[in-house]
Every structure is written in structure tokens, then in C-alpha cells.
Amino acid sequence: MPIIIFIEPDGSQREIDAPVGQSLMEAAVQNGVNGIDADCGGACSCATCHGYVDAAWRDRIEPADGAELDMLEFAYRRGEGSRLTCQVKVTSSMSGLLIRLPESQG
């Protein structure tokens, strides 16, 4: 399983083994990563699983589609690399992927 690195809002780092095919949000929630609320459960309808993909990885994962881009308009402090983690599926080539989580999902 690829190892995904989450930087939680308090700056602590969590490395988790994420099953291929699962969303980053599901992997984070199942492993108790702080900073992802996931209010809609992965339906791309709330923006409470927002995270920032590290610059080194932005061109290496599938780009956001129209629905995700629309929902990102509601994300707290949308910025470079903003993604909804419920919309990013883990692939075998993602080991080492770094995601920073915002201080709030409000």
C-alpha cells in the first residue's frame, strides 16, 4: 500500500498506509487523521475534506473535474494545490504523496 503523508492543522505529520482505489479522505478518516471533517461522506457536496497537495505532486495526480472545482469555491482558504480529498483516489504510484490540511474546514 502507498504511504500518504498528511500534515495535520497543528503541524504534526501522519504517515498512513492507504489502500489503492480508496479516496484520500477515506484513508485519512479510517486512520484518525485530524483536520478532515468529511461531513458529506465523500459525495463532493460539502468541501470539508479540503487539503493542499504538495507542489511536487500536483502534476502527478488526476486533475480536479468540474464538480470538484465548483465545490472548492466553498473551501476554507482555497489556494495553490487545493483539492477535495474525497475526489482523489489512491494509486500505487502515490507513495510519499504529501497533503497539508487547513486550520479549519469551515
C-alpha atoms as a PDB file:
ATOM      1  CA  MET A   1       0.000   0.000   0.000  1.00  0.00           C
ATOM      2  CA  PRO A   2       1.237   3.500  -0.759  1.00  0.00           C
ATOM      3  CA  ILE A   3       2.209   5.666   2.197  1.00  0.00           C
ATOM      4  CA  ILE A   4       0.387   9.006   2.220  1.00  0.00           C
ATOM      5  CA  ILE A   5       1.719  11.813   4.412  1.00  0.00           C
ATOM      6  CA  PHE A   6      -0.779  14.187   5.985  1.00  0.00           C
ATOM      7  CA  ILE A   7       0.314  17.356   7.757  1.00  0.00           C
ATOM      8  CA  GLU A   8      -2.417  17.995  10.320  1.00  0.00           C
ATOM      9  CA  PRO A   9      -3.571  21.523  11.227  1.00  0.00           C
ATOM     10  CA  ASP A  10      -1.311  21.592  14.306  1.00  0.00           C
ATOM     11  CA  GLY A  11       1.728  20.783  12.139  1.00  0.00           C
ATOM     12  CA  SER A  12       2.086  17.164  13.208  1.00  0.00           C
ATOM     13  CA  GLN A  13       2.823  14.657  10.468  1.00  0.00           C
ATOM     14  CA  ARG A  14       0.891  11.408   9.994  1.00  0.00           C
ATOM     15  CA  GLU A  15       2.032   8.702   7.608  1.00  0.00           C
ATOM     16  CA  ILE A  16      -0.644   6.184   6.749  1.00  0.00           C
ATOM     17  CA  ASP A  17      -0.856   3.134   4.532  1.00  0.00           C
ATOM     18  CA  ALA A  18      -3.653   3.830   2.066  1.00  0.00           C
ATOM     19  CA  PRO A  19      -5.315   1.084   0.047  1.00  0.00           C
ATOM     20  CA  VAL A  20      -5.229   1.562  -3.721  1.00  0.00           C
ATOM     21  CA  GLY A  21      -8.638   2.653  -5.007  1.00  0.00           C
ATOM     22  CA  GLN A  22      -9.722   4.286  -1.769  1.00  0.00           C
ATOM     23  CA  SER A  23     -10.061   8.067  -1.604  1.00  0.00           C
ATOM     24  CA  LEU A  24      -7.537  10.089   0.381  1.00  0.00           C
ATOM     25  CA  MET A  25     -10.436  11.223   2.586  1.00  0.00           C
ATOM     26  CA  GLU A  26     -11.494   7.656   3.391  1.00  0.00           C
ATOM     27  CA  ALA A  27      -7.930   6.657   4.211  1.00  0.00           C
ATOM     28  CA  ALA A  28      -7.498   9.694   6.474  1.00  0.00           C
ATOM     29  CA  VAL A  29     -10.796   9.216   8.323  1.00  0.00           C
ATOM     30  CA  GLN A  30     -10.205   5.493   8.851  1.00  0.00           C
ATOM     31  CA  ASN A  31      -6.798   6.277  10.330  1.00  0.00           C
ATOM     32  CA  GLY A  32      -7.892   9.112  12.613  1.00  0.00           C
ATOM     33  CA  VAL A  33      -6.141  11.938  10.780  1.00  0.00           C
ATOM     34  CA  ASN A  34      -7.138  15.269  12.360  1.00  0.00           C
ATOM     35  CA  GLY A  35      -8.349  18.069  10.129  1.00  0.00           C
ATOM     36  CA  ILE A  36     -10.751  16.297   7.780  1.00  0.00           C
ATOM     37  CA  ASP A  37     -14.418  16.554   8.747  1.00  0.00           C
ATOM     38  CA  ALA A  38     -15.882  14.745   5.700  1.00  0.00           C
ATOM     39  CA  ASP A  39     -19.430  15.858   6.511  1.00  0.00           C
ATOM     40  CA  CYS A  40     -20.908  14.537   3.248  1.00  0.00           C
ATOM     41  CA  GLY A  41     -19.090  11.209   3.397  1.00  0.00           C
ATOM     42  CA  GLY A  42     -17.368  11.656   0.062  1.00  0.00           C
ATOM     43  CA  ALA A  43     -20.201  12.873  -2.152  1.00  0.00           C
ATOM     44  CA  CYS A  44     -18.342  16.039  -3.251  1.00  0.00           C
ATOM     45  CA  SER A  45     -21.029  18.216  -1.723  1.00  0.00           C
ATOM     46  CA  CYS A  46     -19.508  19.951   1.297  1.00  0.00           C
ATOM     47  CA  ALA A  47     -15.778  20.844   0.906  1.00  0.00           C
ATOM     48  CA  THR A  48     -14.968  19.699   4.470  1.00  0.00           C
ATOM     49  CA  CYS A  49     -12.224  17.352   3.307  1.00  0.00           C
ATOM     50  CA  HIS A  50     -10.175  20.122   1.729  1.00  0.00           C
ATOM     51  CA  GLY A  51      -6.405  19.743   1.627  1.00  0.00           C
ATOM     52  CA  TYR A  52      -3.404  21.174  -0.178  1.00  0.00           C
ATOM     53  CA  VAL A  53      -1.465  18.806  -2.437  1.00  0.00           C
ATOM     54  CA  ASP A  54       2.265  19.470  -2.221  1.00  0.00           C
ATOM     55  CA  ALA A  55       3.682  21.217  -5.291  1.00  0.00           C
ATOM     56  CA  ALA A  56       5.862  18.218  -6.188  1.00  0.00           C
ATOM     57  CA  TRP A  57       2.717  16.101  -6.620  1.00  0.00           C
ATOM     58  CA  ARG A  58       0.259  18.418  -8.344  1.00  0.00           C
ATOM     59  CA  ASP A  59       1.106  17.273 -11.871  1.00  0.00           C
ATOM     60  CA  ARG A  60       1.320  13.630 -10.846  1.00  0.00           C
ATOM     61  CA  ILE A  61      -2.304  13.096  -9.824  1.00  0.00           C
ATOM     62  CA  GLU A  62      -5.513  13.326 -11.810  1.00  0.00           C
ATOM     63  CA  PRO A  63      -6.745  16.928 -12.121  1.00  0.00           C
ATOM     64  CA  ALA A  64      -9.943  18.081 -10.457  1.00  0.00           C
ATOM     65  CA  ASP A  65     -13.109  17.794 -12.527  1.00  0.00           C
ATOM     66  CA  GLY A  66     -15.828  20.429 -12.869  1.00  0.00           C
ATOM     67  CA  ALA A  67     -17.883  19.299  -9.855  1.00  0.00           C
ATOM     68  CA  GLU A  68     -14.835  19.353  -7.585  1.00  0.00           C
ATOM     69  CA  LEU A  69     -13.746  22.749  -8.879  1.00  0.00           C
ATOM     70  CA  ASP A  70     -17.228  24.126  -8.218  1.00  0.00           C
ATOM     71  CA  MET A  71     -17.273  22.745  -4.664  1.00  0.00           C
ATOM     72  CA  LEU A  72     -13.772  24.084  -3.964  1.00  0.00           C
ATOM     73  CA  GLU A  73     -15.307  27.557  -4.177  1.00  0.00           C
ATOM     74  CA  PHE A  74     -16.685  26.832  -0.680  1.00  0.00           C
ATOM     75  CA  ALA A  75     -13.390  25.580   0.779  1.00  0.00           C
ATOM     76  CA  TYR A  76     -11.727  27.466   3.618  1.00  0.00           C
ATOM     77  CA  ARG A  77      -8.746  29.416   2.238  1.00  0.00           C
ATOM     78  CA  ARG A  78      -8.626  27.788  -1.151  1.00  0.00           C
ATOM     79  CA  GLY A  79      -5.135  28.117  -2.580  1.00  0.00           C
ATOM     80  CA  GLU A  80      -2.434  26.526  -4.684  1.00  0.00           C
ATOM     81  CA  GLY A  81      -2.871  22.781  -4.717  1.00  0.00           C
ATOM     82  CA  SER A  82      -6.341  22.837  -3.134  1.00  0.00           C
ATOM     83  CA  ARG A  83      -8.200  19.571  -3.616  1.00  0.00           C
ATOM     84  CA  LEU A  84     -11.106  17.775  -2.045  1.00  0.00           C
ATOM     85  CA  THR A  85      -9.530  14.624  -0.666  1.00  0.00           C
ATOM     86  CA  CYS A  86     -12.752  12.686  -1.290  1.00  0.00           C
ATOM     87  CA  GLN A  87     -12.153  13.125  -5.020  1.00  0.00           C
ATOM     88  CA  VAL A  88      -8.550  11.903  -5.150  1.00  0.00           C
ATOM     89  CA  LYS A  89      -8.271   8.131  -5.466  1.00  0.00           C
ATOM     90  CA  VAL A  90      -5.125   6.439  -4.183  1.00  0.00           C
ATOM     91  CA  THR A  91      -2.976   4.805  -6.868  1.00  0.00           C
ATOM     92  CA  SER A  92       0.052   2.576  -6.487  1.00  0.00           C
ATOM     93  CA  SER A  93       2.303   5.415  -7.663  1.00  0.00           C
ATOM     94  CA  MET A  94       1.274   7.791  -4.845  1.00  0.00           C
ATOM     95  CA  SER A  95       3.657   6.585  -2.137  1.00  0.00           C
ATOM     96  CA  GLY A  96       5.086   9.693  -0.480  1.00  0.00           C
ATOM     97  CA  LEU A  97       2.217  11.993  -1.508  1.00  0.00           C
ATOM     98  CA  LEU A  98       2.122  14.952   0.878  1.00  0.00           C
ATOM     99  CA  ILE A  99      -1.174  16.651   1.807  1.00  0.00           C
ATOM    100  CA  ARG A 100      -1.353  19.651   4.125  1.00  0.00           C
ATOM    101  CA  LEU A 101      -4.645  20.207   5.910  1.00  0.00           C
ATOM    102  CA  PRO A 102      -6.026  23.693   6.587  1.00  0.00           C
ATOM    103  CA  GLU A 103      -6.503  25.056  10.104  1.00  0.00           C
ATOM    104  CA  SER A 104     -10.266  24.809   9.630  1.00  0.00           C
ATOM    105  CA  GLN A 105     -12.754  23.125   7.340  1.00  0.00           C
ATOM    106  CA  GLY A 106     -15.230  25.955   7.943  1.00  0.00           C
END
